[in-house]
Structure formats: structure tokens, C-alpha cells
Protein backbone atom coordinates (compact mmCIF):
# COMPACT_ATOMS: atom_id res chain seq x y z
CA MET A 1 -198.43 -60.61 71.68
CA LYS A 2 -199.09 -62.35 68.39
CA ASN A 3 -196.38 -63.10 65.83
CA THR A 4 -197.64 -61.56 62.57
CA SER A 5 -194.24 -61.58 60.86
CA GLY A 6 -194.43 -64.88 59.00
CA LEU A 7 -191.10 -65.85 60.61
CA LYS A 8 -190.99 -68.89 62.91
CA PRO A 9 -187.91 -69.31 65.15
CA LEU A 10 -186.54 -72.85 65.28
CA GLY A 11 -184.33 -74.59 67.85
CA HIS A 12 -182.63 -72.11 70.20
CA ALA A 13 -183.62 -69.06 68.15
CA VAL A 14 -185.66 -66.16 69.52
CA LEU A 15 -187.49 -63.67 67.27
CA VAL A 16 -187.25 -60.11 68.59
CA LYS A 17 -188.25 -56.69 67.32
CA PRO A 18 -185.81 -53.86 68.10
CA TYR A 19 -187.29 -50.75 69.64
CA GLU A 20 -186.11 -47.34 70.74
CA PRO A 21 -187.42 -45.85 73.97
CA GLU A 22 -189.72 -42.89 73.50
CA ILE A 23 -188.15 -39.49 73.72
CA SER A 24 -190.59 -36.98 75.18
CA LYS A 25 -189.29 -33.81 73.51
CA THR A 26 -187.18 -33.61 70.38
CA THR A 27 -186.86 -31.64 67.17
CA LEU A 28 -184.61 -34.14 65.41
CA ILE A 29 -186.06 -36.08 62.53
CA VAL A 30 -184.20 -39.33 61.90
CA PRO A 31 -184.41 -40.58 58.30
CA PRO A 32 -185.60 -44.17 57.75
CA SER A 33 -182.20 -45.28 56.37
CA ALA A 34 -180.49 -44.25 59.62
CA LYS A 35 -183.15 -46.05 61.67
CA GLU A 36 -182.51 -49.27 59.73
CA ARG A 37 -178.75 -49.12 60.39
CA ASN A 38 -179.36 -48.31 64.05
CA SER A 39 -181.66 -51.32 64.53
CA MET A 40 -178.70 -53.73 64.20
CA VAL A 41 -176.78 -51.84 66.88
CA GLU A 42 -179.74 -51.18 69.18
CA ASN A 43 -179.69 -53.58 72.08
CA ARG A 44 -183.27 -53.15 73.27
CA ALA A 45 -185.89 -55.46 71.87
CA VAL A 46 -189.32 -56.94 72.47
CA ILE A 47 -189.62 -60.73 72.34
CA ILE A 48 -192.04 -61.77 69.60
CA GLU A 49 -191.66 -65.57 69.61
CA ILE A 50 -189.39 -68.13 71.26
CA GLY A 51 -188.05 -71.27 69.57
CA PRO A 52 -189.01 -74.68 71.02
CA HIS A 53 -185.54 -75.49 72.40
CA ALA A 54 -184.62 -72.09 73.85
CA TRP A 55 -183.07 -72.32 77.32
CA HIS A 56 -183.39 -76.12 77.31
CA ASP A 57 -180.48 -76.42 79.77
CA SER A 58 -181.90 -73.83 82.20
CA PRO A 59 -184.42 -74.57 84.95
CA GLY A 60 -186.86 -72.20 83.24
CA PRO A 61 -187.12 -69.60 80.51
CA ARG A 62 -185.17 -66.37 80.96
CA ALA A 63 -187.82 -64.28 79.25
CA ILE A 64 -191.36 -64.47 77.91
CA VAL A 65 -193.15 -63.28 74.79
CA GLY A 66 -193.94 -59.58 74.97
CA GLN A 67 -191.15 -58.81 77.43
CA LYS A 68 -188.73 -55.94 76.74
CA VAL A 69 -185.12 -57.10 77.05
CA TYR A 70 -181.49 -56.12 76.50
CA ILE A 71 -179.70 -58.21 73.87
CA THR A 72 -176.14 -58.43 72.57
CA LYS A 73 -175.18 -55.75 70.05
CA PHE A 74 -174.86 -57.15 66.53
CA ALA A 75 -176.36 -60.48 67.66
CA GLY A 76 -178.22 -62.63 65.19
CA ASN A 77 -179.52 -61.71 61.77
CA MET A 78 -181.85 -59.02 60.54
CA ALA A 79 -184.94 -60.29 58.75
CA VAL A 80 -187.97 -58.68 57.17
CA GLY A 81 -191.24 -60.41 57.95
CA PRO A 82 -192.73 -61.70 54.69
CA LYS A 83 -196.26 -61.15 55.97
CA ASP A 84 -195.98 -57.71 57.59
CA GLY A 85 -192.82 -56.15 56.08
CA GLU A 86 -191.50 -55.18 59.54
CA THR A 87 -187.81 -55.53 60.51
CA TYR A 88 -186.92 -58.19 63.09
CA ARG A 89 -183.81 -59.85 64.49
CA ILE A 90 -183.44 -63.59 64.94
CA ILE A 91 -181.04 -64.16 67.83
CA ASN A 92 -179.69 -67.03 69.91
CA ASP A 93 -181.41 -67.59 73.27
CA GLU A 94 -178.12 -66.87 75.08
CA ASP A 95 -177.96 -63.35 73.58
CA ILE A 96 -180.65 -62.10 75.98
CA TYR A 97 -179.11 -60.54 79.10
CA CYS A 98 -181.89 -59.06 81.17
CA GLY A 99 -185.43 -57.76 81.21
CA ILE A 100 -186.29 -54.06 81.11
CA GLU A 101 -188.73 -52.63 83.62
CA GLU A 102 -190.20 -49.27 82.61
């Protein structure tokens, strides 16, 4: 997975992109403003890029780029990629709890 956001995580930071699991059948249409608010509460994300000092005190990395993970609600800061205009979250490496297998 390539980072096209224009955002580069530094130190212990990890750049993630929130995602919602696909719902197979629905008739609800969620407006974009509600999706934006929900992205700060959503605790599922895909790792886009990992800072150079993430998990420096661990024997190895907890996660890898492209992996779907659970993160702390309200962790980090929301940021819009200056190159692609997409919404991302920049979180601390310790805010990643586990990987998601689908």
C-alpha cells in the first residue's frame, strides 16, 4: 500500500485511514457530514504508514502497512491529506490494539 496522502508520520506516529466494514444489504443513505463525524469515533482503520520510531521498545512491530486494525476511539488527530484530499488519523503507536482478520 502506497502513502498518497502527502502526510509523513514522524517518531512514534502511525498514519491510518478509518474504514467501515461493508454492509451487504441496506437502504440507508448516510450523508457525508455524518460520515466525517463518525470517522473520529470509528475504531477500525487500515495502516497507511508507520513512523520510524514506532514500537521501538518492543521486540518487533505490532502491525504492518496495509493491515486492518482496531484502534482507540478518539485517538490521535484527524488530518486531510494535502495531496489526495482524503481523511486520515495520525495516532500514537500504542493506540493500536489488535489486527482484524476478515
